[in-house]
Amino acid sequence: TSWEQLVHSSEHTLIRQAIYFQNIIRNSATQDRPNLLANYLYDLAKAFNHFYHECPILQLDKPELSLARCQLSYVVGCILEYGLGLLGIPLPHRM
């Protein structure tokens, strides 16, 4: 994938937040503070919402950029699903 295509500020913000997932899990577990994970997931969801409104995904003339944004969306979705699962919160099947 052409991740170098992702140059919008909201894309960078989302990528930076996604990178911290492992650290957040570790800190949340070692400090026995599930609220750290919950707050992180909330902030990640807000960042994704901003990205979604700022960066079109499918209505693009550049298929490489569209693919990169789809993959970024998939990664964020996986993080949210796994993180919420750790907290015991089931995901809705559709939104």
N, C-alpha and C. Protein backbone atom coordinates (compact mmCIF):
# COMPACT_ATOMS: atom_id res chain seq x y z
N THR A 1 0.83 -1.18 0.00
CA THR A 1 0.00 0.00 0.00
C THR A 1 0.87 1.24 0.00
N SER A 2 0.37 2.28 -0.58
CA SER A 2 1.10 3.54 -0.64
C SER A 2 0.75 4.39 0.58
N TRP A 3 1.31 4.02 1.72
CA TRP A 3 1.03 4.78 2.94
C TRP A 3 1.59 6.20 2.84
N GLU A 4 2.57 6.39 1.96
CA GLU A 4 3.10 7.75 1.79
C GLU A 4 2.07 8.67 1.15
N GLN A 5 0.99 8.10 0.63
CA GLN A 5 -0.11 8.90 0.07
C GLN A 5 -0.88 9.64 1.17
N LEU A 6 -0.76 9.16 2.40
CA LEU A 6 -1.53 9.73 3.51
C LEU A 6 -0.79 10.95 4.05
N VAL A 7 -1.18 12.12 3.56
CA VAL A 7 -0.49 13.35 3.93
C VAL A 7 -1.38 14.37 4.64
N HIS A 8 -2.67 14.09 4.71
CA HIS A 8 -3.60 15.01 5.37
C HIS A 8 -3.35 15.00 6.87
N SER A 9 -3.52 16.13 7.53
CA SER A 9 -3.24 16.21 8.97
C SER A 9 -4.10 15.25 9.79
N SER A 10 -5.36 15.05 9.41
CA SER A 10 -6.20 14.13 10.17
C SER A 10 -5.77 12.68 9.97
N GLU A 11 -5.17 12.36 8.83
CA GLU A 11 -4.60 11.03 8.61
C GLU A 11 -3.40 10.82 9.53
N HIS A 12 -2.56 11.83 9.62
CA HIS A 12 -1.37 11.74 10.48
C HIS A 12 -1.77 11.60 11.94
N THR A 13 -2.77 12.37 12.35
CA THR A 13 -3.25 12.28 13.73
C THR A 13 -3.75 10.88 14.04
N LEU A 14 -4.52 10.31 13.12
CA LEU A 14 -5.08 8.98 13.31
C LEU A 14 -3.97 7.92 13.36
N ILE A 15 -3.00 8.03 12.50
CA ILE A 15 -1.88 7.08 12.49
C ILE A 15 -1.09 7.18 13.79
N ARG A 16 -0.81 8.40 14.24
CA ARG A 16 -0.06 8.58 15.50
C ARG A 16 -0.81 7.94 16.67
N GLN A 17 -2.12 8.13 16.71
CA GLN A 17 -2.89 7.55 17.81
C GLN A 17 -2.91 6.03 17.73
N ALA A 18 -3.03 5.49 16.53
CA ALA A 18 -3.07 4.03 16.38
C ALA A 18 -1.76 3.39 16.84
N ILE A 19 -0.66 4.07 16.63
CA ILE A 19 0.65 3.53 16.99
C ILE A 19 0.77 3.31 18.50
N TYR A 20 0.06 4.09 19.31
CA TYR A 20 0.17 4.01 20.77
C TYR A 20 -0.65 2.87 21.38
N PHE A 21 -1.37 2.11 20.58
CA PHE A 21 -2.27 1.10 21.12
C PHE A 21 -1.57 0.11 22.05
N GLN A 22 -0.47 -0.45 21.63
CA GLN A 22 0.23 -1.43 22.48
C GLN A 22 0.69 -0.83 23.80
N ASN A 23 1.19 0.40 23.75
CA ASN A 23 1.61 1.06 24.98
C ASN A 23 0.44 1.29 25.92
N ILE A 24 -0.68 1.67 25.37
CA ILE A 24 -1.87 1.92 26.18
C ILE A 24 -2.32 0.63 26.85
N ILE A 25 -2.34 -0.47 26.10
CA ILE A 25 -2.73 -1.75 26.69
C ILE A 25 -1.78 -2.12 27.83
N ARG A 26 -0.50 -1.99 27.59
CA ARG A 26 0.49 -2.33 28.61
C ARG A 26 0.31 -1.46 29.86
N ASN A 27 0.20 -0.15 29.66
CA ASN A 27 0.05 0.76 30.80
C ASN A 27 -1.26 0.51 31.54
N SER A 28 -2.31 0.28 30.80
CA SER A 28 -3.60 0.02 31.42
C SER A 28 -3.55 -1.24 32.28
N ALA A 29 -2.88 -2.27 31.77
CA ALA A 29 -2.80 -3.54 32.51
C ALA A 29 -1.85 -3.44 33.71
N THR A 30 -0.68 -2.86 33.51
CA THR A 30 0.30 -2.81 34.60
C THR A 30 -0.14 -1.87 35.72
N GLN A 31 -0.88 -0.83 35.38
CA GLN A 31 -1.35 0.11 36.39
C GLN A 31 -2.74 -0.25 36.91
N ASP A 32 -3.32 -1.33 36.37
CA ASP A 32 -4.67 -1.76 36.74
C ASP A 32 -5.66 -0.60 36.60
N ARG A 33 -5.58 0.06 35.42
CA ARG A 33 -6.43 1.22 35.15
C ARG A 33 -7.09 1.06 33.78
N PRO A 34 -8.21 0.35 33.73
CA PRO A 34 -8.90 0.16 32.45
C PRO A 34 -9.40 1.48 31.84
N ASN A 35 -9.51 2.51 32.68
CA ASN A 35 -9.95 3.80 32.16
C ASN A 35 -8.95 4.37 31.14
N LEU A 36 -7.66 4.02 31.26
CA LEU A 36 -6.68 4.48 30.28
C LEU A 36 -7.02 3.95 28.89
N LEU A 37 -7.39 2.68 28.82
CA LEU A 37 -7.77 2.07 27.55
C LEU A 37 -9.09 2.67 27.05
N ALA A 38 -10.05 2.84 27.94
CA ALA A 38 -11.34 3.40 27.55
C ALA A 38 -11.17 4.81 27.00
N ASN A 39 -10.38 5.62 27.66
CA ASN A 39 -10.14 7.00 27.19
C ASN A 39 -9.42 7.01 25.86
N TYR A 40 -8.44 6.13 25.70
CA TYR A 40 -7.71 6.02 24.44
C TYR A 40 -8.67 5.66 23.30
N LEU A 41 -9.51 4.65 23.52
CA LEU A 41 -10.45 4.22 22.48
C LEU A 41 -11.43 5.33 22.12
N TYR A 42 -11.87 6.07 23.12
CA TYR A 42 -12.77 7.20 22.87
C TYR A 42 -12.07 8.26 22.01
N ASP A 43 -10.83 8.58 22.36
CA ASP A 43 -10.07 9.57 21.59
C ASP A 43 -9.78 9.07 20.17
N LEU A 44 -9.50 7.78 20.03
CA LEU A 44 -9.27 7.20 18.70
C LEU A 44 -10.53 7.28 17.85
N ALA A 45 -11.67 6.98 18.45
CA ALA A 45 -12.94 7.06 17.72
C ALA A 45 -13.23 8.51 17.29
N LYS A 46 -12.93 9.46 18.16
CA LYS A 46 -13.12 10.88 17.79
C LYS A 46 -12.19 11.26 16.64
N ALA A 47 -10.95 10.81 16.70
CA ALA A 47 -9.99 11.11 15.63
C ALA A 47 -10.44 10.47 14.32
N PHE A 48 -10.98 9.26 14.39
CA PHE A 48 -11.48 8.61 13.18
C PHE A 48 -12.67 9.37 12.62
N ASN A 49 -13.56 9.84 13.46
CA ASN A 49 -14.71 10.60 13.01
C ASN A 49 -14.25 11.87 12.27
N HIS A 50 -13.26 12.54 12.82
CA HIS A 50 -12.72 13.73 12.17
C HIS A 50 -12.11 13.37 10.82
N PHE A 51 -11.31 12.30 10.80
CA PHE A 51 -10.70 11.82 9.56
C PHE A 51 -11.78 11.50 8.52
N TYR A 52 -12.82 10.81 8.94
CA TYR A 52 -13.88 10.38 8.03
C TYR A 52 -14.58 11.57 7.37
N HIS A 53 -14.74 12.65 8.14
CA HIS A 53 -15.40 13.83 7.58
C HIS A 53 -14.46 14.69 6.74
N GLU A 54 -13.18 14.62 7.02
CA GLU A 54 -12.20 15.45 6.31
C GLU A 54 -11.65 14.78 5.05
N CYS A 55 -11.61 13.46 5.03
CA CYS A 55 -10.91 12.74 3.96
C CYS A 55 -11.85 11.76 3.27
N PRO A 56 -12.31 12.07 2.06
CA PRO A 56 -13.14 11.11 1.34
C PRO A 56 -12.36 9.82 1.08
N ILE A 57 -13.07 8.72 1.10
CA ILE A 57 -12.40 7.42 0.93
C ILE A 57 -12.68 6.84 -0.44
N LEU A 58 -13.91 6.74 -0.81
CA LEU A 58 -14.25 6.07 -2.07
C LEU A 58 -14.46 7.04 -3.24
N GLN A 59 -14.71 8.29 -2.97
CA GLN A 59 -15.00 9.25 -4.04
C GLN A 59 -13.72 9.95 -4.50
N LEU A 60 -12.70 9.18 -4.80
CA LEU A 60 -11.42 9.76 -5.20
C LEU A 60 -11.04 9.32 -6.60
N ASP A 61 -10.24 10.16 -7.26
CA ASP A 61 -9.69 9.81 -8.57
C ASP A 61 -8.40 9.00 -8.44
N LYS A 62 -7.86 8.94 -7.23
CA LYS A 62 -6.59 8.24 -6.99
C LYS A 62 -6.87 6.92 -6.27
N PRO A 63 -6.81 5.80 -6.99
CA PRO A 63 -7.10 4.51 -6.33
C PRO A 63 -6.10 4.16 -5.23
N GLU A 64 -4.85 4.60 -5.35
CA GLU A 64 -3.85 4.30 -4.32
C GLU A 64 -4.21 4.98 -3.01
N LEU A 65 -4.64 6.23 -3.09
CA LEU A 65 -5.04 6.98 -1.90
C LEU A 65 -6.30 6.37 -1.30
N SER A 66 -7.23 6.01 -2.13
CA SER A 66 -8.45 5.38 -1.66
C SER A 66 -8.15 4.07 -0.92
N LEU A 67 -7.26 3.27 -1.47
CA LEU A 67 -6.87 2.01 -0.84
C LEU A 67 -6.17 2.26 0.49
N ALA A 68 -5.27 3.22 0.52
CA ALA A 68 -4.54 3.53 1.76
C ALA A 68 -5.52 3.99 2.84
N ARG A 69 -6.50 4.81 2.48
CA ARG A 69 -7.48 5.27 3.46
C ARG A 69 -8.39 4.13 3.91
N CYS A 70 -8.72 3.23 3.01
CA CYS A 70 -9.52 2.05 3.39
C CYS A 70 -8.74 1.19 4.38
N GLN A 71 -7.47 1.01 4.12
CA GLN A 71 -6.65 0.19 5.02
C GLN A 71 -6.47 0.86 6.38
N LEU A 72 -6.29 2.17 6.39
CA LEU A 72 -6.20 2.89 7.64
C LEU A 72 -7.49 2.73 8.43
N SER A 73 -8.62 2.83 7.75
CA SER A 73 -9.92 2.65 8.39
C SER A 73 -10.05 1.24 8.97
N TYR A 74 -9.58 0.25 8.24
CA TYR A 74 -9.64 -1.13 8.70
C TYR A 74 -8.80 -1.32 9.96
N VAL A 75 -7.60 -0.77 9.96
CA VAL A 75 -6.71 -0.88 11.12
C VAL A 75 -7.36 -0.26 12.35
N VAL A 76 -7.92 0.92 12.18
CA VAL A 76 -8.58 1.59 13.31
C VAL A 76 -9.77 0.76 13.79
N GLY A 77 -10.53 0.21 12.87
CA GLY A 77 -11.65 -0.65 13.25
C GLY A 77 -11.20 -1.86 14.05
N CYS A 78 -10.10 -2.47 13.65
CA CYS A 78 -9.55 -3.62 14.38
C CYS A 78 -9.12 -3.23 15.78
N ILE A 79 -8.47 -2.08 15.90
CA ILE A 79 -8.04 -1.60 17.21
C ILE A 79 -9.24 -1.36 18.11
N LEU A 80 -10.26 -0.70 17.58
CA LEU A 80 -11.45 -0.42 18.38
C LEU A 80 -12.13 -1.72 18.80
N GLU A 81 -12.24 -2.66 17.88
CA GLU A 81 -12.89 -3.93 18.20
C GLU A 81 -12.12 -4.69 19.27
N TYR A 82 -10.81 -4.79 19.11
CA TYR A 82 -9.99 -5.53 20.07
C TYR A 82 -9.99 -4.83 21.44
N GLY A 83 -9.82 -3.51 21.42
CA GLY A 83 -9.78 -2.75 22.68
C GLY A 83 -11.09 -2.83 23.43
N LEU A 84 -12.20 -2.69 22.72
CA LEU A 84 -13.50 -2.80 23.39
C LEU A 84 -13.72 -4.22 23.90
N GLY A 85 -13.23 -5.21 23.16
CA GLY A 85 -13.32 -6.59 23.62
C GLY A 85 -12.56 -6.80 24.92
N LEU A 86 -11.39 -6.17 25.05
CA LEU A 86 -10.63 -6.26 26.30
C LEU A 86 -11.40 -5.67 27.46
N LEU A 87 -12.20 -4.66 27.17
CA LEU A 87 -13.01 -4.04 28.22
C LEU A 87 -14.33 -4.77 28.46
N GLY A 88 -14.60 -5.79 27.63
CA GLY A 88 -15.84 -6.54 27.78
C GLY A 88 -17.05 -5.86 27.17
N ILE A 89 -16.79 -4.96 26.23
CA ILE A 89 -17.87 -4.21 25.57
C ILE A 89 -18.08 -4.79 24.18
N PRO A 90 -19.25 -5.38 23.92
CA PRO A 90 -19.49 -5.93 22.58
C PRO A 90 -19.74 -4.82 21.55
N LEU A 91 -19.36 -5.10 20.33
CA LEU A 91 -19.59 -4.14 19.24
C LEU A 91 -20.94 -4.38 18.62
N PRO A 92 -21.59 -3.32 18.18
CA PRO A 92 -22.81 -3.52 17.40
C PRO A 92 -22.44 -4.09 16.02
N HIS A 93 -23.31 -4.84 15.44
CA HIS A 93 -23.03 -5.41 14.11
C HIS A 93 -23.08 -4.36 13.02
N ARG A 94 -23.89 -3.35 13.21
CA ARG A 94 -24.00 -2.25 12.24
C ARG A 94 -24.21 -0.95 12.97
N MET A 95 -23.78 0.10 12.32
CA MET A 95 -24.03 1.44 12.88
C MET A 95 -24.67 2.27 11.81
